[in-house]
Structure formats: C-alpha cells, structure tokens
Amino acid sequence: MKRKICAIGNSRGVSIPVDVLEELNLAVGSDVDIKLDEKHSRIVIEPVKKKRKYPKDVDHEFVSQVNEFIEKYEPALKEIAKK
C-alpha cells in the first residue's frame, strides 16, 4: 500500500492504516522498533514485545495460555471493558 511521508513537527512520519494496526494489536501509544535495512534499502517497523516478569510460584505454562487467550480475544475483551 502506498503512503506519503508527512511533516510531524521537526520530524517526518507515515500514517499506518487502522486495519494494519488492529491486525498487529497496536494502538496509539504502542511501542515499536524502527530499523534501517540498508542491504534492501527499506525501513522496518516491528511491534515491541514486552517481557513480563512473574513470581516464582506462578505456572509459566498457564501464564502462556492466558497470554495467548488475551492476544486472540483482545478486541472483544476491550469492548467488554468499555461496558
């Protein structure tokens, strides 16, 4: 998809379509990592995955399952939270 670079203060930016953000579970304020791929002359923007720390007595497999559930159903959970 084609986009134009625009001025944002003293910086420059590109708008990202909402459907792309939703597909990646990103929103305003989400952290992303920007890299320059000089070999292929491209800019790469990737979501930053937050590392979570858990107490020693927490079952990491269970935490993983809960996180997968949250990622899969995040849009529905956000709608429920609004009510």
Protein backbone atom coordinates (compact mmCIF):
# COMPACT_ATOMS: atom_id res chain seq x y z
CA MET A 1 0.00 0.00 0.00
CA LYS A 2 1.31 3.39 -0.96
CA ARG A 3 1.63 6.20 1.63
CA LYS A 4 3.21 9.67 1.66
CA ILE A 5 5.73 10.97 4.15
CA CYS A 6 4.36 13.96 6.08
CA ALA A 7 5.84 16.54 8.45
CA ILE A 8 5.25 15.99 12.17
CA GLY A 9 6.92 18.89 13.98
CA ASN A 10 10.66 18.69 13.21
CA SER A 11 10.32 15.00 12.29
CA ARG A 12 8.71 13.13 9.42
CA GLY A 13 6.18 10.31 9.58
CA VAL A 14 3.92 7.94 7.71
CA SER A 15 0.35 7.14 8.73
CA ILE A 16 -0.44 3.49 9.35
CA PRO A 17 -3.94 2.27 8.42
CA VAL A 18 -6.13 1.21 11.35
CA ASP A 19 -6.70 -2.29 9.92
CA VAL A 20 -2.92 -2.90 9.90
CA LEU A 21 -2.62 -1.68 13.50
CA GLU A 22 -5.53 -3.88 14.59
CA GLU A 23 -4.01 -6.93 12.88
CA LEU A 24 -0.83 -6.39 14.93
CA ASN A 25 -2.72 -5.49 18.14
CA LEU A 26 -1.20 -1.98 18.11
CA ALA A 27 -2.79 1.30 19.12
CA VAL A 28 -1.81 4.90 19.78
CA GLY A 29 0.97 4.75 22.37
CA SER A 30 2.17 1.24 21.45
CA ASP A 31 5.94 0.79 21.38
CA VAL A 32 7.54 -0.11 18.05
CA ASP A 33 11.12 -0.71 16.97
CA ILE A 34 12.33 1.04 13.81
CA LYS A 35 15.30 -0.41 11.93
CA LEU A 36 17.04 0.58 8.72
CA ASP A 37 17.67 -2.40 6.45
CA GLU A 38 20.48 -0.89 4.37
CA LYS A 39 21.01 -4.07 2.36
CA HIS A 40 17.46 -3.89 0.92
CA SER A 41 17.05 -0.06 1.22
CA ARG A 42 13.98 -0.29 3.46
CA ILE A 43 12.64 0.79 6.81
CA VAL A 44 11.32 -1.98 9.08
CA ILE A 45 8.82 -1.20 11.85
CA GLU A 46 8.12 -4.02 14.33
CA PRO A 47 5.98 -4.19 17.48
CA VAL A 48 7.99 -4.32 20.71
CA LYS A 49 7.09 -7.40 22.73
CA LYS A 50 7.15 -6.61 26.42
CA LYS A 51 8.94 -9.10 28.63
CA ARG A 52 6.80 -9.98 31.61
CA LYS A 53 8.15 -10.93 34.99
CA TYR A 54 6.25 -13.40 37.14
CA PRO A 55 6.63 -14.54 40.72
CA LYS A 56 8.46 -17.86 41.19
CA ASP A 57 5.33 -19.77 42.21
CA VAL A 58 3.38 -18.93 39.02
CA ASP A 59 2.99 -21.74 36.46
CA HIS A 60 4.63 -20.34 33.32
CA GLU A 61 2.65 -22.66 31.03
CA PHE A 62 -0.60 -21.32 32.48
CA VAL A 63 0.63 -17.73 32.06
CA SER A 64 1.49 -18.51 28.45
CA GLN A 65 -2.01 -19.89 27.82
CA VAL A 66 -3.63 -16.84 29.41
CA ASN A 67 -1.47 -14.50 27.31
CA GLU A 68 -2.41 -16.37 24.12
CA PHE A 69 -6.10 -16.09 25.08
CA ILE A 70 -5.75 -12.35 25.71
CA GLU A 71 -3.94 -11.78 22.41
CA LYS A 72 -6.52 -13.79 20.47
CA TYR A 73 -9.57 -12.14 22.05
CA GLU A 74 -8.15 -8.68 22.83
CA PRO A 75 -10.63 -6.73 20.64
CA ALA A 76 -13.61 -8.47 22.27
CA LEU A 77 -12.15 -8.04 25.76
CA LYS A 78 -11.65 -4.29 25.10
CA GLU A 79 -15.29 -3.98 24.02
CA ILE A 80 -16.46 -5.78 27.17
CA ALA A 81 -14.27 -3.50 29.31
CA LYS A 82 -15.99 -0.42 27.85
CA LYS A 83 -19.38 -1.58 29.17
